[in-house]
């Protein structure tokens, strides 16, 4: 018996009957020889961590546009916090922690430079819909490994695609990530906003504080305990109505005070214009695209799609450097 087979046997013995067992995965689009050490979900997690799109998350905006402080969150630290919260819930419910981790680590791989500002920009200029969750799936299916994709399992891709609040994954592990994403950004965006002096903890409405507590740690603890307590031995991921309402209310509060705050979002118009300008440039100069993007266009992908792939994959820093290189005049240097 291989180590992988022993791990699969252990999953069957100790995990909940509602867990997604690795040996029962619907598999990959392209069949592969099984690893003798890792389960399919462990392999998916490793492929995500080692891919280029994952590394680029470190230079992509979460909420505060290219913050100068060392302690503000980026898209990468957000991803890691989602993963930790989701793994805690998954382990407590005896669900598949490896699958949960893989979905969490991959859920934002398709995010654009400048966060949701970049996403809005591409969605406004592309002739098709541009959504970061769909682009995350495209990244793992098509863009990574020079157009070959990561060939992830169906369950991981389903969780990545359906992590947004308007959608619902097919596995409990995916449902955990979907909730953990919201818990994470409420938790850390509030913390960053307090650090930035945008609001204080006492600005949080009293009815929300009465349910969730008065500190970031209190809120996180309240969410975790409520989900775990109400989802144990159930084929669903549940919250009590009071905590679910408090989550909706604090999310609304964050949109009003942080996510649409004109002081925080003052530079986003410039960021959106920058992304739109880069899109237009490469649409009219396809010869300037990297070889892998040109190759996809030559193989039948629409040019608009290939330009979105390239611009959407940029980090904040690389997008600004590219814009400056293309559009900002340089000083003449005397010889």
C-alpha atoms as a PDB file:
ATOM      1  CA  UNK A   1       0.000   0.000   0.000  1.00  0.00           C
ATOM      2  CA  UNK A   2       1.394   3.420  -0.987  1.00  0.00           C
ATOM      3  CA  UNK A   3       1.452   6.425   1.326  1.00  0.00           C
ATOM      4  CA  UNK A   4      -1.309   8.008  -0.774  1.00  0.00           C
ATOM      5  CA  UNK A   5      -3.478   4.944  -0.379  1.00  0.00           C
ATOM      6  CA  UNK A   6      -2.924   4.988   3.376  1.00  0.00           C
ATOM      7  CA  UNK A   7      -3.937   8.648   3.475  1.00  0.00           C
ATOM      8  CA  UNK A   8      -7.062   7.889   1.477  1.00  0.00           C
ATOM      9  CA  UNK A   9      -7.889   5.049   3.849  1.00  0.00           C
ATOM     10  CA  UNK A  10      -7.385   7.362   6.821  1.00  0.00           C
ATOM     11  CA  UNK A  11      -9.731   9.933   5.265  1.00  0.00           C
ATOM     12  CA  UNK A  12     -12.436   7.297   4.961  1.00  0.00           C
ATOM     13  CA  UNK A  13     -11.979   6.297   8.599  1.00  0.00           C
ATOM     14  CA  UNK A  14     -11.890   9.699  10.297  1.00  0.00           C
ATOM     15  CA  UNK A  15     -13.651  12.230   8.089  1.00  0.00           C
ATOM     16  CA  UNK A  16     -17.323  13.117   8.225  1.00  0.00           C
ATOM     17  CA  UNK A  17     -19.675  11.160   5.947  1.00  0.00           C
ATOM     18  CA  UNK A  18     -20.337  14.499   4.268  1.00  0.00           C
ATOM     19  CA  UNK A  19     -16.655  15.146   3.459  1.00  0.00           C
ATOM     20  CA  UNK A  20     -15.289  15.050  -0.078  1.00  0.00           C
ATOM     21  CA  UNK A  21     -12.934  12.069  -0.075  1.00  0.00           C
ATOM     22  CA  UNK A  22      -9.897  12.349  -2.302  1.00  0.00           C
ATOM     23  CA  UNK A  23     -10.408   8.867  -3.727  1.00  0.00           C
ATOM     24  CA  UNK A  24     -13.934   9.847  -4.834  1.00  0.00           C
ATOM     25  CA  UNK A  25     -12.859  12.963  -6.745  1.00  0.00           C
ATOM     26  CA  UNK A  26     -14.485  13.485 -10.129  1.00  0.00           C
ATOM     27  CA  UNK A  27     -10.938  13.786 -11.388  1.00  0.00           C
ATOM     28  CA  UNK A  28      -9.035  15.950 -13.845  1.00  0.00           C
ATOM     29  CA  UNK A  29      -9.809  16.932 -17.413  1.00  0.00           C
ATOM     30  CA  UNK A  30      -6.609  15.169 -18.479  1.00  0.00           C
ATOM     31  CA  UNK A  31      -6.091  11.856 -16.632  1.00  0.00           C
ATOM     32  CA  UNK A  32      -2.751  11.488 -14.839  1.00  0.00           C
ATOM     33  CA  UNK A  33      -0.810   8.760 -13.101  1.00  0.00           C
ATOM     34  CA  UNK A  34      -1.524   8.995  -9.367  1.00  0.00           C
ATOM     35  CA  UNK A  35       1.202  10.186  -7.007  1.00  0.00           C
ATOM     36  CA  UNK A  36       2.395   7.522  -4.576  1.00  0.00           C
ATOM     37  CA  UNK A  37       2.666  10.046  -1.715  1.00  0.00           C
ATOM     38  CA  UNK A  38       0.046  12.777  -2.112  1.00  0.00           C
ATOM     39  CA  UNK A  39      -3.713  12.666  -2.624  1.00  0.00           C
ATOM     40  CA  UNK A  40      -5.200  14.505  -5.585  1.00  0.00           C
ATOM     41  CA  UNK A  41      -6.178  17.492  -3.438  1.00  0.00           C
ATOM     42  CA  UNK A  42      -2.710  17.739  -1.910  1.00  0.00           C
ATOM     43  CA  UNK A  43      -1.242  17.800  -5.415  1.00  0.00           C
ATOM     44  CA  UNK A  44      -3.680  20.566  -6.403  1.00  0.00           C
ATOM     45  CA  UNK A  45      -2.682  22.634  -3.375  1.00  0.00           C
ATOM     46  CA  UNK A  46       1.009  22.235  -4.220  1.00  0.00           C
ATOM     47  CA  UNK A  47       0.483  23.176  -7.864  1.00  0.00           C
ATOM     48  CA  UNK A  48      -1.317  26.350  -6.835  1.00  0.00           C
ATOM     49  CA  UNK A  49       1.330  27.404  -4.300  1.00  0.00           C
ATOM     50  CA  UNK A  50       4.115  26.915  -6.846  1.00  0.00           C
ATOM     51  CA  UNK A  51       2.417  28.654  -9.785  1.00  0.00           C
ATOM     52  CA  UNK A  52       3.319  32.134 -11.018  1.00  0.00           C
ATOM     53  CA  UNK A  53      -0.171  33.562 -10.526  1.00  0.00           C
ATOM     54  CA  UNK A  54       0.028  32.776  -6.806  1.00  0.00           C
ATOM     55  CA  UNK A  55       3.331  34.631  -6.426  1.00  0.00           C
ATOM     56  CA  UNK A  56       1.943  37.679  -8.203  1.00  0.00           C
ATOM     57  CA  UNK A  57      -0.725  38.098  -5.506  1.00  0.00           C
ATOM     58  CA  UNK A  58       1.887  39.677  -3.246  1.00  0.00           C
ATOM     59  CA  UNK A  59       1.843  42.842  -5.392  1.00  0.00           C
ATOM     60  CA  UNK A  60      -1.889  43.140  -5.968  1.00  0.00           C
ATOM     61  CA  UNK A  61      -4.209  45.493  -4.086  1.00  0.00           C
ATOM     62  CA  UNK A  62      -6.615  44.218  -1.456  1.00  0.00           C
ATOM     63  CA  UNK A  63      -8.390  47.460  -0.437  1.00  0.00           C
ATOM     64  CA  UNK A  64      -5.779  50.176   0.046  1.00  0.00           C
ATOM     65  CA  UNK A  65      -4.128  51.002  -3.278  1.00  0.00           C
ATOM     66  CA  UNK A  66      -0.399  50.254  -3.082  1.00  0.00           C
ATOM     67  CA  UNK A  67      -0.138  51.220   0.612  1.00  0.00           C
ATOM     68  CA  UNK A  68       3.223  52.457   1.878  1.00  0.00           C
ATOM     69  CA  UNK A  69       2.826  50.927   5.336  1.00  0.00           C
ATOM     70  CA  UNK A  70       4.347  47.511   5.913  1.00  0.00           C
ATOM     71  CA  UNK A  71       1.318  45.998   7.636  1.00  0.00           C
ATOM     72  CA  UNK A  72      -1.544  46.582   5.213  1.00  0.00           C
ATOM     73  CA  UNK A  73      -2.976  43.517   3.546  1.00  0.00           C
ATOM     74  CA  UNK A  74      -2.315  42.543  -0.054  1.00  0.00           C
ATOM     75  CA  UNK A  75      -4.199  40.023  -2.145  1.00  0.00           C
ATOM     76  CA  UNK A  76      -1.686  37.373  -1.032  1.00  0.00           C
ATOM     77  CA  UNK A  77      -2.092  37.969   2.705  1.00  0.00           C
ATOM     78  CA  UNK A  78      -5.865  37.978   2.172  1.00  0.00           C
ATOM     79  CA  UNK A  79      -5.569  34.581   0.493  1.00  0.00           C
ATOM     80  CA  UNK A  80      -3.519  33.187   3.364  1.00  0.00           C
ATOM     81  CA  UNK A  81      -6.013  34.452   5.933  1.00  0.00           C
ATOM     82  CA  UNK A  82      -8.901  32.901   3.990  1.00  0.00           C
ATOM     83  CA  UNK A  83      -6.994  29.620   3.930  1.00  0.00           C
ATOM     84  CA  UNK A  84      -6.341  29.639   7.666  1.00  0.00           C
ATOM     85  CA  UNK A  85      -9.940  30.436   8.597  1.00  0.00           C
ATOM     86  CA  UNK A  86     -11.290  27.842   6.172  1.00  0.00           C
ATOM     87  CA  UNK A  87      -8.910  25.141   7.390  1.00  0.00           C
ATOM     88  CA  UNK A  88      -9.915  25.776  11.002  1.00  0.00           C
ATOM     89  CA  UNK A  89     -13.586  25.300  10.170  1.00  0.00           C
ATOM     90  CA  UNK A  90     -12.950  22.317   7.918  1.00  0.00           C
ATOM     91  CA  UNK A  91     -10.844  20.494  10.482  1.00  0.00           C
ATOM     92  CA  UNK A  92     -13.388  21.084  13.262  1.00  0.00           C
ATOM     93  CA  UNK A  93     -16.174  19.678  11.061  1.00  0.00           C
ATOM     94  CA  UNK A  94     -14.033  16.694   9.978  1.00  0.00           C
ATOM     95  CA  UNK A  95     -14.221  17.729   6.345  1.00  0.00           C
ATOM     96  CA  UNK A  96     -11.391  17.483   3.808  1.00  0.00           C
ATOM     97  CA  UNK A  97      -8.830  20.052   4.898  1.00  0.00           C
ATOM     98  CA  UNK A  98      -6.629  19.479   1.816  1.00  0.00           C
ATOM     99  CA  UNK A  99      -9.480  20.259  -0.569  1.00  0.00           C
ATOM    100  CA  UNK A 100     -10.470  23.269   1.520  1.00  0.00           C
ATOM    101  CA  UNK A 101      -6.918  24.606   1.470  1.00  0.00           C
ATOM    102  CA  UNK A 102      -6.516  24.128  -2.281  1.00  0.00           C
ATOM    103  CA  UNK A 103      -9.742  26.037  -3.027  1.00  0.00           C
ATOM    104  CA  UNK A 104      -8.809  28.832  -0.621  1.00  0.00           C
ATOM    105  CA  UNK A 105      -5.305  29.280  -2.011  1.00  0.00           C
ATOM    106  CA  UNK A 106      -6.594  29.372  -5.584  1.00  0.00           C
ATOM    107  CA  UNK A 107      -9.755  31.421  -5.232  1.00  0.00           C
ATOM    108  CA  UNK A 108      -8.249  34.811  -6.191  1.00  0.00           C
ATOM    109  CA  UNK A 109      -5.599  33.781  -8.744  1.00  0.00           C
ATOM    110  CA  UNK A 110      -7.449  35.675 -11.483  1.00  0.00           C
ATOM    111  CA  UNK A 111      -7.594  38.999  -9.699  1.00  0.00           C
ATOM    112  CA  UNK A 112      -6.463  42.059 -11.621  1.00  0.00           C
ATOM    113  CA  UNK A 113      -4.000  44.807 -10.706  1.00  0.00           C
ATOM    114  CA  UNK A 114      -5.542  47.374  -8.332  1.00  0.00           C
ATOM    115  CA  UNK A 115      -8.104  44.905  -6.992  1.00  0.00           C
ATOM    116  CA  UNK A 116     -11.740  45.419  -7.887  1.00  0.00           C
ATOM    117  CA  UNK A 117     -10.910  48.707  -9.635  1.00  0.00           C
ATOM    118  CA  UNK A 118      -8.942  46.791 -12.236  1.00  0.00           C
ATOM    119  CA  UNK A 119     -11.700  44.219 -12.515  1.00  0.00           C
ATOM    120  CA  UNK A 120     -14.283  46.955 -13.162  1.00  0.00           C
ATOM    121  CA  UNK A 121     -12.018  48.503 -15.775  1.00  0.00           C
ATOM    122  CA  UNK A 122     -11.554  45.316 -17.780  1.00  0.00           C
ATOM    123  CA  UNK A 123     -15.220  44.432 -17.445  1.00  0.00           C
ATOM    124  CA  UNK A 124     -16.116  47.832 -18.904  1.00  0.00           C
ATOM    125  CA  UNK A 125     -13.901  47.605 -21.994  1.00  0.00           C
ATOM    126  CA  UNK A 126     -13.957  43.908 -22.880  1.00  0.00           C
ATOM    127  CA  UNK A 127     -16.678  42.733 -25.278  1.00  0.00           C
ATOM    128  CA  UNK A 128     -17.336  39.851 -22.895  1.00  0.00           C
ATOM    129  CA  UNK A 129     -17.813  39.666 -19.129  1.00  0.00           C
ATOM    130  CA  UNK A 130     -14.650  39.848 -17.034  1.00  0.00           C
ATOM    131  CA  UNK A 131     -15.065  38.478 -13.502  1.00  0.00           C
ATOM    132  CA  UNK A 132     -12.129  37.545 -11.311  1.00  0.00           C
ATOM    133  CA  UNK A 133     -13.599  34.215 -10.188  1.00  0.00           C
ATOM    134  CA  UNK A 134     -14.044  33.120 -13.801  1.00  0.00           C
ATOM    135  CA  UNK A 135     -10.560  34.394 -14.617  1.00  0.00           C
ATOM    136  CA  UNK A 136      -9.185  32.402 -11.679  1.00  0.00           C
ATOM    137  CA  UNK A 137     -10.567  29.236 -13.249  1.00  0.00           C
ATOM    138  CA  UNK A 138      -9.199  30.246 -16.646  1.00  0.00           C
ATOM    139  CA  UNK A 139      -5.813  30.819 -15.011  1.00  0.00           C
ATOM    140  CA  UNK A 140      -5.610  27.287 -13.619  1.00  0.00           C
ATOM    141  CA  UNK A 141      -7.197  25.637 -16.653  1.00  0.00           C
ATOM    142  CA  UNK A 142      -5.464  27.508 -19.464  1.00  0.00           C
ATOM    143  CA  UNK A 143      -2.949  30.213 -18.616  1.00  0.00           C
ATOM    144  CA  UNK A 144      -0.486  28.599 -16.243  1.00  0.00           C
ATOM    145  CA  UNK A 145       2.351  26.382 -17.477  1.00  0.00           C
ATOM    146  CA  UNK A 146       2.615  28.185 -20.817  1.00  0.00           C
ATOM    147  CA  UNK A 147      -0.970  27.529 -21.805  1.00  0.00           C
ATOM    148  CA  UNK A 148      -1.228  23.976 -20.499  1.00  0.00           C
ATOM    149  CA  UNK A 149      -2.909  24.851 -17.197  1.00  0.00           C
ATOM    150  CA  UNK A 150      -2.508  23.138 -13.841  1.00  0.00           C
ATOM    151  CA  UNK A 151      -5.007  20.354 -14.622  1.00  0.00           C
ATOM    152  CA  UNK A 152      -6.690  20.620 -11.217  1.00  0.00           C
ATOM    153  CA  UNK A 153      -9.479  18.378 -10.001  1.00  0.00           C
ATOM    154  CA  UNK A 154     -13.116  19.234 -10.664  1.00  0.00           C
ATOM    155  CA  UNK A 155     -13.830  19.904  -6.977  1.00  0.00           C
ATOM    156  CA  UNK A 156     -11.093  22.527  -6.635  1.00  0.00           C
ATOM    157  CA  UNK A 157     -12.128  24.328  -9.811  1.00  0.00           C
ATOM    158  CA  UNK A 158     -15.787  24.248  -8.735  1.00  0.00           C
ATOM    159  CA  UNK A 159     -14.889  25.821  -5.399  1.00  0.00           C
ATOM    160  CA  UNK A 160     -12.785  28.533  -7.048  1.00  0.00           C
ATOM    161  CA  UNK A 161     -15.517  29.409  -9.547  1.00  0.00           C
ATOM    162  CA  UNK A 162     -18.278  29.584  -6.952  1.00  0.00           C
ATOM    163  CA  UNK A 163     -16.562  31.387  -4.078  1.00  0.00           C
ATOM    164  CA  UNK A 164     -18.476  34.636  -4.583  1.00  0.00           C
ATOM    165  CA  UNK A 165     -21.551  35.422  -2.533  1.00  0.00           C
ATOM    166  CA  UNK A 166     -23.892  35.199  -5.533  1.00  0.00           C
ATOM    167  CA  UNK A 167     -22.887  31.585  -6.241  1.00  0.00           C
ATOM    168  CA  UNK A 168     -22.838  28.275  -4.360  1.00  0.00           C
ATOM    169  CA  UNK A 169     -20.196  25.522  -4.576  1.00  0.00           C
ATOM    170  CA  UNK A 170     -21.134  21.850  -4.827  1.00  0.00           C
ATOM    171  CA  UNK A 171     -18.947  20.672  -1.922  1.00  0.00           C
ATOM    172  CA  UNK A 172     -19.072  21.565   1.757  1.00  0.00           C
ATOM    173  CA  UNK A 173     -15.381  22.426   1.536  1.00  0.00           C
ATOM    174  CA  UNK A 174     -16.170  24.963  -1.182  1.00  0.00           C
ATOM    175  CA  UNK A 175     -18.998  26.403   0.907  1.00  0.00           C
ATOM    176  CA  UNK A 176     -16.566  26.875   3.782  1.00  0.00           C
ATOM    177  CA  UNK A 177     -14.169  28.843   1.558  1.00  0.00           C
ATOM    178  CA  UNK A 178     -17.051  30.956   0.255  1.00  0.00           C
ATOM    179  CA  UNK A 179     -17.928  32.017   3.821  1.00  0.00           C
ATOM    180  CA  UNK A 180     -14.295  32.266   4.945  1.00  0.00           C
ATOM    181  CA  UNK A 181     -13.565  34.739   2.146  1.00  0.00           C
ATOM    182  CA  UNK A 182     -16.228  37.088   3.523  1.00  0.00           C
ATOM    183  CA  UNK A 183     -15.114  36.576   7.137  1.00  0.00           C
ATOM    184  CA  UNK A 184     -11.480  37.242   6.201  1.00  0.00           C
ATOM    185  CA  UNK A 185     -12.044  40.475   4.329  1.00  0.00           C
ATOM    186  CA  UNK A 186     -14.474  41.812   6.948  1.00  0.00           C
ATOM    187  CA  UNK A 187     -11.864  40.960   9.606  1.00  0.00           C
ATOM    188  CA  UNK A 188      -8.732  42.323   7.967  1.00  0.00           C
ATOM    189  CA  UNK A 189     -10.270  45.234   6.057  1.00  0.00           C
ATOM    190  CA  UNK A 190     -11.697  46.549   9.330  1.00  0.00           C
ATOM    191  CA  UNK A 191      -8.276  46.146  10.941  1.00  0.00           C
ATOM    192  CA  UNK A 192      -6.581  47.993   8.060  1.00  0.00           C
ATOM    193  CA  UNK A 193      -9.196  50.756   8.125  1.00  0.00           C
ATOM    194  CA  UNK A 194      -8.638  51.314  11.855  1.00  0.00           C
ATOM    195  CA  UNK A 195      -4.875  51.361  11.281  1.00  0.00           C
ATOM    196  CA  UNK A 196      -5.378  53.942   8.519  1.00  0.00           C
ATOM    197  CA  UNK A 197      -7.492  56.154  10.786  1.00  0.00           C
ATOM    198  CA  UNK A 198     -10.538  55.806   8.541  1.00  0.00           C
ATOM    199  CA  UNK A 199     -12.716  54.580  11.415  1.00  0.00           C
ATOM    200  CA  UNK A 200     -12.523  53.304  14.977  1.00  0.00           C
ATOM    201  CA  UNK A 201     -13.927  50.177  16.584  1.00  0.00           C
ATOM    202  CA  UNK A 202     -16.569  52.277  18.310  1.00  0.00           C
ATOM    203  CA  UNK A 203     -17.883  53.376  14.906  1.00  0.00           C
ATOM    204  CA  UNK A 204     -19.233  49.854  14.432  1.00  0.00           C
ATOM    205  CA  UNK A 205     -22.976  50.010  15.192  1.00  0.00           C
ATOM    206  CA  UNK A 206     -23.906  48.866  18.695  1.00  0.00           C
ATOM    207  CA  UNK A 207     -26.299  46.155  17.497  1.00  0.00           C
ATOM    208  CA  UNK A 208     -23.469  44.507  15.526  1.00  0.00           C
ATOM    209  CA  UNK A 209     -21.071  44.757  18.470  1.00  0.00           C
ATOM    210  CA  UNK A 210     -23.700  43.158  20.714  1.00  0.00           C
ATOM    211  CA  UNK A 211     -23.684  40.041  18.516  1.00  0.00           C
ATOM    212  CA  UNK A 212     -20.089  39.839  17.288  1.00  0.00           C
ATOM    213  CA  UNK A 213     -18.094  41.613  19.980  1.00  0.00           C
ATOM    214  CA  UNK A 214     -15.973  44.743  20.004  1.00  0.00           C
ATOM    215  CA  UNK A 215     -12.582  43.632  18.655  1.00  0.00           C
ATOM    216  CA  UNK A 216     -11.316  41.879  15.512  1.00  0.00           C
ATOM    217  CA  UNK A 217     -10.552  38.799  17.584  1.00  0.00           C
ATOM    218  CA  UNK A 218     -14.048  38.773  19.099  1.00  0.00           C
ATOM    219  CA  UNK A 219     -15.670  38.951  15.663  1.00  0.00           C
ATOM    220  CA  UNK A 220     -13.515  36.222  14.186  1.00  0.00           C
ATOM    221  CA  UNK A 221     -14.165  33.988  17.192  1.00  0.00           C
ATOM    222  CA  UNK A 222     -17.909  34.608  16.966  1.00  0.00           C
ATOM    223  CA  UNK A 223     -18.052  33.684  13.280  1.00  0.00           C
ATOM    224  CA  UNK A 224     -15.971  30.526  13.701  1.00  0.00           C
ATOM    225  CA  UNK A 225     -17.847  29.214  16.731  1.00  0.00           C
ATOM    226  CA  UNK A 226     -21.237  29.917  15.201  1.00  0.00           C
ATOM    227  CA  UNK A 227     -20.455  28.143  11.907  1.00  0.00           C
ATOM    228  CA  UNK A 228     -18.818  25.142  13.568  1.00  0.00           C
ATOM    229  CA  UNK A 229     -21.536  24.737  16.210  1.00  0.00           C
ATOM    230  CA  UNK A 230     -24.363  24.950  13.699  1.00  0.00           C
ATOM    231  CA  UNK A 231     -22.757  22.839  10.955  1.00  0.00           C
ATOM    232  CA  UNK A 232     -21.535  19.856  12.970  1.00  0.00           C
ATOM    233  CA  UNK A 233     -22.936  16.557  11.653  1.00  0.00           C
ATOM    234  CA  UNK A 234     -24.923  18.329   8.946  1.00  0.00           C
ATOM    235  CA  UNK A 235     -24.727  18.165   5.181  1.00  0.00           C
ATOM    236  CA  UNK A 236     -24.525  21.945   4.995  1.00  0.00           C
ATOM    237  CA  UNK A 237     -22.539  24.916   6.299  1.00  0.00           C
ATOM    238  CA  UNK A 238     -24.871  26.937   8.517  1.00  0.00           C
ATOM    239  CA  UNK A 239     -24.985  30.089  10.618  1.00  0.00           C
ATOM    240  CA  UNK A 240     -27.608  31.243  13.112  1.00  0.00           C
ATOM    241  CA  UNK A 241     -29.806  33.996  11.729  1.00  0.00           C
ATOM    242  CA  UNK A 242     -28.537  36.532  14.293  1.00  0.00           C
ATOM    243  CA  UNK A 243     -24.887  36.030  13.270  1.00  0.00           C
ATOM    244  CA  UNK A 244     -25.741  35.835   9.570  1.00  0.00           C
ATOM    245  CA  UNK A 245     -27.620  39.144   9.880  1.00  0.00           C
ATOM    246  CA  UNK A 246     -24.696  40.692  11.786  1.00  0.00           C
ATOM    247  CA  UNK A 247     -22.383  39.582   8.963  1.00  0.00           C
ATOM    248  CA  UNK A 248     -24.635  41.193   6.364  1.00  0.00           C
ATOM    249  CA  UNK A 249     -24.900  44.357   8.462  1.00  0.00           C
ATOM    250  CA  UNK A 250     -21.171  44.720   9.067  1.00  0.00           C
ATOM    251  CA  UNK A 251     -20.509  44.073   5.374  1.00  0.00           C
ATOM    252  CA  UNK A 252     -22.956  46.888   4.540  1.00  0.00           C
ATOM    253  CA  UNK A 253     -21.237  49.081   7.121  1.00  0.00           C
ATOM    254  CA  UNK A 254     -17.854  48.372   5.502  1.00  0.00           C
ATOM    255  CA  UNK A 255     -19.171  49.265   2.057  1.00  0.00           C
ATOM    256  CA  UNK A 256     -20.518  52.553   3.364  1.00  0.00           C
ATOM    257  CA  UNK A 257     -17.483  53.544   5.433  1.00  0.00           C
ATOM    258  CA  UNK A 258     -14.535  51.874   3.676  1.00  0.00           C
ATOM    259  CA  UNK A 259     -15.152  50.250   0.290  1.00  0.00           C
ATOM    260  CA  UNK A 260     -16.843  53.334  -1.182  1.00  0.00           C
ATOM    261  CA  UNK A 261     -15.036  55.906   0.987  1.00  0.00           C
ATOM    262  CA  UNK A 262     -13.961  58.750  -1.362  1.00  0.00           C
ATOM    263  CA  UNK A 263     -10.745  59.331   0.590  1.00  0.00           C
ATOM    264  CA  UNK A 264      -9.679  55.692   0.209  1.00  0.00           C
ATOM    265  CA  UNK A 265     -10.915  55.365  -3.366  1.00  0.00           C
ATOM    266  CA  UNK A 266      -9.616  58.721  -4.648  1.00  0.00           C
ATOM    267  CA  UNK A 267      -6.907  57.108  -6.776  1.00  0.00           C
ATOM    268  CA  UNK A 268      -9.054  54.283  -8.139  1.00  0.00           C
ATOM    269  CA  UNK A 269     -10.287  56.353 -11.072  1.00  0.00           C
ATOM    270  CA  UNK A 270      -6.690  56.780 -12.175  1.00  0.00           C
ATOM    271  CA  UNK A 271      -6.063  53.061 -11.734  1.00  0.00           C
ATOM    272  CA  UNK A 272      -9.102  52.192 -13.850  1.00  0.00           C
ATOM    273  CA  UNK A 273      -7.998  54.633 -16.572  1.00  0.00           C
ATOM    274  CA  UNK A 274      -4.522  53.092 -16.526  1.00  0.00           C
ATOM    275  CA  UNK A 275      -5.891  49.570 -16.982  1.00  0.00           C
ATOM    276  CA  UNK A 276      -8.226  50.676 -19.788  1.00  0.00           C
ATOM    277  CA  UNK A 277      -5.348  52.461 -21.530  1.00  0.00           C
ATOM    278  CA  UNK A 278      -3.130  49.365 -21.363  1.00  0.00           C
ATOM    279  CA  UNK A 279      -5.951  47.217 -22.701  1.00  0.00           C
ATOM    280  CA  UNK A 280      -6.480  49.579 -25.638  1.00  0.00           C
ATOM    281  CA  UNK A 281      -2.761  49.746 -26.384  1.00  0.00           C
ATOM    282  CA  UNK A 282      -2.245  45.991 -26.597  1.00  0.00           C
ATOM    283  CA  UNK A 283      -5.482  45.558 -28.539  1.00  0.00           C
ATOM    284  CA  UNK A 284      -4.003  47.811 -31.230  1.00  0.00           C
ATOM    285  CA  UNK A 285      -0.424  46.512 -30.838  1.00  0.00           C
ATOM    286  CA  UNK A 286      -0.805  42.740 -30.478  1.00  0.00           C
ATOM    287  CA  UNK A 287       2.790  42.270 -31.608  1.00  0.00           C
ATOM    288  CA  UNK A 288       3.826  43.747 -28.238  1.00  0.00           C
ATOM    289  CA  UNK A 289       2.101  40.983 -26.279  1.00  0.00           C
ATOM    290  CA  UNK A 290       4.282  38.254 -24.740  1.00  0.00           C
ATOM    291  CA  UNK A 291       4.840  35.202 -26.906  1.00  0.00           C
ATOM    292  CA  UNK A 292       2.499  32.938 -24.910  1.00  0.00           C
ATOM    293  CA  UNK A 293      -0.408  35.375 -25.332  1.00  0.00           C
ATOM    294  CA  UNK A 294       0.267  35.816 -29.055  1.00  0.00           C
ATOM    295  CA  UNK A 295       0.388  32.040 -29.415  1.00  0.00           C
ATOM    296  CA  UNK A 296      -3.091  31.692 -27.890  1.00  0.00           C
ATOM    297  CA  UNK A 297      -4.409  34.306 -30.324  1.00  0.00           C
ATOM    298  CA  UNK A 298      -2.815  32.430 -33.215  1.00  0.00           C
ATOM    299  CA  UNK A 299      -4.478  29.217 -32.005  1.00  0.00           C
ATOM    300  CA  UNK A 300      -7.949  30.723 -32.143  1.00  0.00           C
ATOM    301  CA  UNK A 301      -8.488  32.653 -28.914  1.00  0.00           C
ATOM    302  CA  UNK A 302      -9.946  36.112 -29.488  1.00  0.00           C
ATOM    303  CA  UNK A 303      -7.442  38.950 -29.306  1.00  0.00           C
ATOM    304  CA  UNK A 304      -9.619  40.686 -26.711  1.00  0.00           C
ATOM    305  CA  UNK A 305      -9.438  37.621 -24.493  1.00  0.00           C
ATOM    306  CA  UNK A 306      -5.663  37.376 -24.849  1.00  0.00           C
ATOM    307  CA  UNK A 307      -5.198  41.056 -24.020  1.00  0.00           C
ATOM    308  CA  UNK A 308      -7.393  40.645 -20.929  1.00  0.00           C
ATOM    309  CA  UNK A 309      -5.299  37.652 -19.896  1.00  0.00           C
ATOM    310  CA  UNK A 310      -2.098  39.694 -20.087  1.00  0.00           C
ATOM    311  CA  UNK A 311      -3.312  42.954 -18.543  1.00  0.00           C
ATOM    312  CA  UNK A 312      -5.417  41.179 -15.937  1.00  0.00           C
ATOM    313  CA  UNK A 313      -2.443  39.139 -14.759  1.00  0.00           C
ATOM    314  CA  UNK A 314      -0.265  42.208 -14.116  1.00  0.00           C
ATOM    315  CA  UNK A 315       0.667  43.256 -10.608  1.00  0.00           C
ATOM    316  CA  UNK A 316       0.042  46.840  -9.513  1.00  0.00           C
ATOM    317  CA  UNK A 317       3.731  47.625  -9.807  1.00  0.00           C
ATOM    318  CA  UNK A 318       4.201  46.042 -13.228  1.00  0.00           C
ATOM    319  CA  UNK A 319       1.102  47.778 -14.603  1.00  0.00           C
ATOM    320  CA  UNK A 320       2.451  51.176 -13.514  1.00  0.00           C
ATOM    321  CA  UNK A 321       5.939  50.438 -14.855  1.00  0.00           C
ATOM    322  CA  UNK A 322       4.484  49.319 -18.176  1.00  0.00           C
ATOM    323  CA  UNK A 323       2.273  52.386 -18.414  1.00  0.00           C
ATOM    324  CA  UNK A 324       5.218  54.675 -17.671  1.00  0.00           C
ATOM    325  CA  UNK A 325       7.343  52.905 -20.258  1.00  0.00           C
ATOM    326  CA  UNK A 326       4.680  53.271 -22.937  1.00  0.00           C
ATOM    327  CA  UNK A 327       3.160  56.674 -22.241  1.00  0.00           C
ATOM    328  CA  UNK A 328       5.337  58.832 -19.964  1.00  0.00           C
ATOM    329  CA  UNK A 329       8.088  60.734 -21.848  1.00  0.00           C
ATOM    330  CA  UNK A 330      11.646  60.246 -20.674  1.00  0.00           C
ATOM    331  CA  UNK A 331      14.175  62.989 -20.108  1.00  0.00           C
ATOM    332  CA  UNK A 332      16.775  63.408 -22.847  1.00  0.00           C
ATOM    333  CA  UNK A 333      20.171  62.229 -21.651  1.00  0.00           C
ATOM    334  CA  UNK A 334      23.195  64.092 -22.964  1.00  0.00           C
ATOM    335  CA  UNK A 335      26.069  61.918 -24.152  1.00  0.00           C
END
